[in-house]
Amino acid sequence: GPGRAGPGPVLDTDQIDFEDVIAEPEGTHSFDGIWKASFTTFTVTKYWFYRLLAAIFGIPLALIWGIYFAILSFLHIWAVVPCIRSYLIEIQCISRVYSICIHTFCDPLFEAIGKIFSSIQATVRKEI
């Protein structure tokens, strides 16, 4: 009914039908009575056993999953996001210091090396 699940199947396994499990290939078929009885047995067993499992384990598992996702949300809101934001703020400061060091020490070095190698000329000769 409405409000029980999301907009679509949670997994492909929640929509398993008899034909998905028991599939007779073309040219190989059992008696119609056997097929119908097997279909009914499968469908009724799946339906009632699911209800039995839901009745026994549904509430305890809902409680466990509720606690789990509450803890997960709490940690995400109060620990993970603040840690990531703090890290990003700190890394900005380190990034500025690193940039200053690179521009102070490496730029002059590479500029000098570039000037040294800029006077090198190469010619290509084709010998016959």
Protein backbone atom coordinates (compact mmCIF):
# COMPACT_ATOMS: atom_id res chain seq x y z
CA GLY A 1 0.00 0.00 0.00
CA PRO A 2 0.98 3.65 -0.12
CA GLY A 3 3.73 4.74 2.23
CA ARG A 4 5.18 1.23 2.56
CA ALA A 5 8.04 1.51 0.11
CA GLY A 6 9.79 4.00 -2.12
CA PRO A 7 8.85 4.89 -5.67
CA GLY A 8 10.24 1.65 -7.11
CA PRO A 9 11.55 -1.71 -6.03
CA VAL A 10 14.33 -1.51 -3.45
CA LEU A 11 16.14 -4.40 -5.10
CA ASP A 12 15.31 -6.65 -8.01
CA THR A 13 14.82 -9.50 -5.51
CA ASP A 14 11.68 -7.99 -4.01
CA GLN A 15 9.79 -8.55 -7.27
CA ILE A 16 10.70 -12.22 -7.89
CA ASP A 17 7.94 -14.21 -9.53
CA PHE A 18 7.53 -17.93 -10.05
CA GLU A 19 8.64 -17.72 -13.68
CA ASP A 20 11.86 -15.97 -12.62
CA VAL A 21 12.81 -18.92 -10.43
CA ILE A 22 11.27 -21.92 -12.19
CA ALA A 23 11.61 -21.47 -15.94
CA GLU A 24 10.95 -24.34 -18.29
CA PRO A 25 12.66 -23.88 -21.65
CA GLU A 26 10.73 -24.07 -24.91
CA GLY A 27 9.95 -27.65 -25.80
CA THR A 28 10.19 -28.91 -22.20
CA HIS A 29 7.00 -28.60 -20.21
CA SER A 30 5.59 -30.50 -17.25
CA PHE A 31 1.93 -31.43 -16.89
CA ASP A 32 -0.37 -28.41 -16.57
CA GLY A 33 -1.64 -29.61 -13.18
CA ILE A 34 1.91 -29.94 -11.82
CA TRP A 35 2.81 -26.48 -13.16
CA LYS A 36 -0.28 -24.85 -11.63
CA ALA A 37 0.20 -26.63 -8.28
CA SER A 38 3.89 -25.62 -8.22
CA PHE A 39 2.97 -22.04 -9.06
CA THR A 40 0.36 -21.91 -6.29
CA THR A 41 2.70 -23.54 -3.75
CA PHE A 42 5.54 -21.15 -4.58
CA THR A 43 3.34 -18.05 -4.53
CA VAL A 44 1.49 -18.88 -1.30
CA THR A 45 4.68 -20.00 0.48
CA LYS A 46 6.55 -16.86 -0.55
CA TYR A 47 3.63 -14.64 0.49
CA TRP A 48 3.04 -16.21 3.95
CA PHE A 49 6.66 -16.88 4.81
CA TYR A 50 7.50 -13.24 4.05
CA ARG A 51 4.65 -12.14 6.31
CA LEU A 52 5.83 -14.51 9.07
CA LEU A 53 9.43 -13.22 8.84
CA ALA A 54 8.18 -9.61 8.77
CA ALA A 55 6.03 -10.24 11.85
CA ILE A 56 8.90 -11.86 13.78
CA PHE A 57 11.87 -9.73 12.68
CA GLY A 58 10.33 -6.56 11.23
CA ILE A 59 10.03 -4.50 14.42
CA PRO A 60 13.42 -5.51 15.90
CA LEU A 61 15.22 -4.89 12.61
CA ALA A 62 13.40 -1.58 12.12
CA LEU A 63 14.62 -0.58 15.60
CA ILE A 64 18.20 -1.65 14.80
CA TRP A 65 18.23 0.12 11.43
CA GLY A 66 16.65 3.21 12.97
CA ILE A 67 19.39 3.36 15.61
CA TYR A 68 22.07 2.69 12.99
CA PHE A 69 20.93 5.49 10.68
CA ALA A 70 20.42 7.85 13.62
CA ILE A 71 24.05 7.24 14.69
CA LEU A 72 25.22 7.59 11.09
CA SER A 73 23.36 10.90 10.70
CA PHE A 74 24.60 12.15 14.07
CA LEU A 75 28.23 11.34 13.21
CA HIS A 76 27.91 12.87 9.77
CA ILE A 77 26.38 16.11 11.08
CA TRP A 78 28.47 16.51 14.25
CA ALA A 79 31.80 14.89 13.31
CA VAL A 80 32.43 14.20 9.62
CA VAL A 81 31.29 17.49 8.07
CA PRO A 82 32.99 19.69 10.73
CA CYS A 83 36.22 17.71 10.32
CA ILE A 84 36.12 18.09 6.54
CA ARG A 85 35.38 21.82 6.77
CA SER A 86 38.15 22.29 9.34
CA TYR A 87 40.56 20.39 7.09
CA LEU A 88 39.62 22.56 4.09
CA ILE A 89 40.19 25.75 6.10
CA GLU A 90 43.58 24.51 7.32
CA ILE A 91 44.62 23.29 3.89
CA GLN A 92 43.90 26.78 2.45
CA CYS A 93 46.43 28.28 4.84
CA ILE A 94 49.01 25.59 4.02
CA SER A 95 48.30 26.07 0.31
CA ARG A 96 49.12 29.80 0.54
CA VAL A 97 52.40 29.12 2.38
CA TYR A 98 53.31 26.41 -0.16
CA SER A 99 52.51 28.75 -3.06
CA ILE A 100 54.71 31.50 -1.59
CA CYS A 101 57.59 29.02 -1.15
CA ILE A 102 57.26 27.76 -4.72
CA HIS A 103 57.16 31.27 -6.18
CA THR A 104 60.08 32.42 -3.98
CA PHE A 105 62.46 29.50 -4.58
CA CYS A 106 61.43 27.58 -7.67
CA ASP A 107 60.35 30.37 -10.04
CA PRO A 108 63.79 32.07 -10.13
CA LEU A 109 65.55 28.70 -10.48
CA PHE A 110 63.43 27.55 -13.41
CA GLU A 111 63.59 30.98 -15.03
CA ALA A 112 67.40 30.85 -14.88
CA ILE A 113 67.44 27.31 -16.29
CA GLY A 114 65.09 28.44 -19.05
CA LYS A 115 67.43 31.31 -19.98
CA ILE A 116 70.40 28.94 -20.07
CA PHE A 117 68.67 26.53 -22.43
CA SER A 118 67.03 29.25 -24.54
CA SER A 119 70.29 29.94 -26.38
CA ILE A 120 70.58 26.35 -27.61
CA GLN A 121 69.71 26.01 -31.26
CA ALA A 122 69.13 22.78 -33.11
CA THR A 123 69.31 22.29 -36.83
CA VAL A 124 68.20 19.33 -38.83
CA ARG A 125 70.22 18.32 -41.86
CA LYS A 126 69.20 15.78 -44.39
CA GLU A 127 72.13 13.79 -45.69
CA ILE A 128 71.87 12.06 -48.99
